Amino acid sequence: MATAYYPAIIERGPEGFGVYFPDLPGCVSAGRTVTEAALGAEEALHGHLAVMAEHGDAIPEASAVDEVEAFEGSEEVARILVRGERPGKAVRVQISIEEGLLARIDRVAANRSRFLAEAAAAKLAAVAAI
C-alpha cells in the first residue's frame, strides 16, 4: 500500500458539516461539528478506497489541495488533506506456518491468501486503535 493525502473540502450543511473529496466522487463524510466531520473523513476515505480496489476500479492520484475546486453552491468552510492508503498490487511471499494452523485455515477459508491478508489487516487496525 502506498500512502496518499487526498484533498477534502468541508462545507456547511443544514444540520452540521459535510466533507467531500473532489478526486473521489461519492466519497463523503459528515458531522455535527467541523472537527467531527474532519475526523470521519479518514474512515470514509479508507472505506471508499477499499471498495474501489475490491471492484477493480482505477484509483486516481491525489490532487494538490490548491488545485481542487469546490462544487458550485458549496459553502466551503475549510480544506484538509486526509491520509489514505492506496492499495498496491499483490505480491507473492513465502511464509512458514504451523501445519495444524494451516489446516484449520484451509477448512474455513475459500482463499488462503485473502484470509491471511484480511486477518493481518484486522490485527493491524486493532493495534493502531490502541
Protein backbone atom coordinates (compact mmCIF):
# COMPACT_ATOMS: atom_id res chain seq x y z
CA MET A 1 0.00 0.00 0.00
CA ALA A 2 1.12 3.50 -0.72
CA THR A 3 0.17 6.41 1.48
CA ALA A 4 -1.56 9.29 -0.29
CA TYR A 5 -3.06 12.50 1.01
CA TYR A 6 -6.34 13.33 -0.69
CA PRO A 7 -7.74 16.86 -0.54
CA ALA A 8 -11.18 17.17 1.03
CA ILE A 9 -13.50 20.14 1.29
CA ILE A 10 -15.53 20.73 4.41
CA GLU A 11 -18.78 22.57 3.78
CA ARG A 12 -21.55 23.91 5.97
CA GLY A 13 -24.79 21.99 5.69
CA PRO A 14 -28.30 22.37 7.09
CA GLU A 15 -27.56 20.12 10.09
CA GLY A 16 -23.82 20.42 10.55
CA PHE A 17 -20.89 19.94 8.22
CA GLY A 18 -20.17 17.69 5.28
CA VAL A 19 -16.91 16.57 3.74
CA TYR A 20 -16.39 15.58 0.14
CA PHE A 21 -13.39 14.53 -1.93
CA PRO A 22 -13.25 16.17 -5.39
CA ASP A 23 -10.92 13.41 -6.63
CA LEU A 24 -13.30 10.65 -5.49
CA PRO A 25 -16.95 11.28 -6.41
CA GLY A 26 -19.28 9.68 -3.90
CA CYS A 27 -16.76 9.67 -1.05
CA VAL A 28 -18.36 11.77 1.69
CA SER A 29 -18.49 12.21 5.44
CA ALA A 30 -20.46 14.41 7.82
CA GLY A 31 -20.56 15.57 11.39
CA ARG A 32 -22.25 17.96 13.76
CA THR A 33 -19.02 19.97 14.07
CA VAL A 34 -16.12 20.70 11.72
CA THR A 35 -13.90 18.51 13.90
CA GLU A 36 -16.34 15.60 13.84
CA ALA A 37 -16.70 15.86 10.07
CA ALA A 38 -12.93 16.01 9.56
CA LEU A 39 -12.30 13.01 11.82
CA GLY A 40 -14.90 10.96 9.93
CA ALA A 41 -13.27 11.82 6.61
CA GLU A 42 -10.38 9.40 7.11
CA GLU A 43 -12.74 6.48 7.75
CA ALA A 44 -14.82 7.43 4.71
CA LEU A 45 -11.71 7.62 2.54
CA HIS A 46 -10.41 4.27 3.80
CA GLY A 47 -13.72 2.55 3.04
CA HIS A 48 -14.09 4.19 -0.36
CA LEU A 49 -10.58 3.18 -1.49
CA ALA A 50 -11.12 -0.37 -0.24
CA VAL A 51 -14.39 -0.74 -2.18
CA MET A 52 -12.82 0.70 -5.33
CA ALA A 53 -9.94 -1.78 -5.07
CA GLU A 54 -12.32 -4.67 -4.40
CA HIS A 55 -14.26 -3.84 -7.58
CA GLY A 56 -11.11 -3.34 -9.64
CA ASP A 57 -11.80 0.36 -10.20
CA ALA A 58 -8.90 2.61 -11.10
CA ILE A 59 -7.91 4.71 -8.10
CA PRO A 60 -7.00 8.25 -9.10
CA GLU A 61 -3.87 10.00 -7.93
CA ALA A 62 -4.47 12.64 -5.27
CA SER A 63 -4.59 16.23 -6.49
CA ALA A 64 -2.81 19.06 -4.75
CA VAL A 65 -5.11 20.75 -2.24
CA ASP A 66 -4.67 24.07 -4.10
CA GLU A 67 -5.77 22.52 -7.41
CA VAL A 68 -9.22 21.24 -6.44
CA GLU A 69 -12.32 23.34 -6.81
CA ALA A 70 -15.34 23.38 -4.55
CA PHE A 71 -18.62 22.25 -6.05
CA GLU A 72 -20.81 25.05 -7.28
CA GLY A 73 -23.09 26.24 -4.48
CA SER A 74 -20.92 24.69 -1.77
CA GLU A 75 -20.50 26.82 1.36
CA GLU A 76 -16.84 25.92 1.88
CA VAL A 77 -15.56 26.16 5.44
CA ALA A 78 -12.12 24.52 5.13
CA ARG A 79 -9.86 22.36 3.03
CA ILE A 80 -7.95 19.49 4.57
CA LEU A 81 -5.64 16.71 3.47
CA VAL A 82 -6.80 13.26 4.50
CA ARG A 83 -4.41 10.34 4.74
CA GLY A 84 -5.38 7.24 2.80
CA GLU A 85 -3.74 4.01 1.78
CA ARG A 86 -3.85 3.31 -1.95
CA PRO A 87 -3.97 -0.47 -2.34
CA GLY A 88 -0.91 -1.87 -4.04
CA LYS A 89 -0.56 -4.90 -6.24
CA ALA A 90 -0.49 -8.34 -4.70
CA VAL A 91 2.99 -9.67 -4.02
CA ARG A 92 3.80 -13.35 -3.70
CA VAL A 93 5.60 -14.22 -0.45
CA GLN A 94 6.79 -17.41 1.17
CA ILE A 95 5.92 -17.88 4.84
CA SER A 96 6.27 -20.62 7.42
CA ILE A 97 3.21 -21.59 9.44
CA GLU A 98 2.44 -24.48 11.77
CA GLU A 99 0.74 -27.24 9.76
CA GLY A 100 -2.21 -27.65 12.13
CA LEU A 101 -2.96 -23.93 11.96
CA LEU A 102 -2.72 -24.02 8.18
CA ALA A 103 -5.15 -26.96 8.05
CA ARG A 104 -7.63 -25.05 10.25
CA ILE A 105 -7.37 -22.01 7.96
CA ASP A 106 -7.94 -24.17 4.88
CA ARG A 107 -11.09 -25.67 6.44
CA VAL A 108 -12.73 -22.27 6.83
CA ALA A 109 -11.21 -20.14 4.07
CA ALA A 110 -12.17 -20.25 0.43
CA ASN A 111 -8.99 -18.30 -0.37
CA ARG A 112 -5.99 -18.83 1.90
CA SER A 113 -4.12 -15.70 0.78
CA ARG A 114 -7.14 -13.45 1.22
CA PHE A 115 -7.87 -14.95 4.63
CA LEU A 116 -4.33 -14.31 5.86
CA ALA A 117 -4.26 -10.78 4.38
CA GLU A 118 -7.61 -9.88 5.98
CA ALA A 119 -6.53 -11.34 9.33
CA ALA A 120 -3.31 -9.31 9.21
CA ALA A 121 -5.19 -6.13 8.26
CA ALA A 122 -7.66 -6.65 11.12
CA LYS A 123 -4.85 -7.16 13.62
CA LEU A 124 -3.00 -4.07 12.38
CA ALA A 125 -6.19 -2.00 12.64
CA ALA A 126 -6.73 -3.21 16.21
CA VAL A 127 -3.15 -2.34 17.16
CA ALA A 128 -3.45 1.11 15.55
CA ALA A 129 -6.64 1.79 17.55
CA ILE A 130 -4.81 1.34 20.84
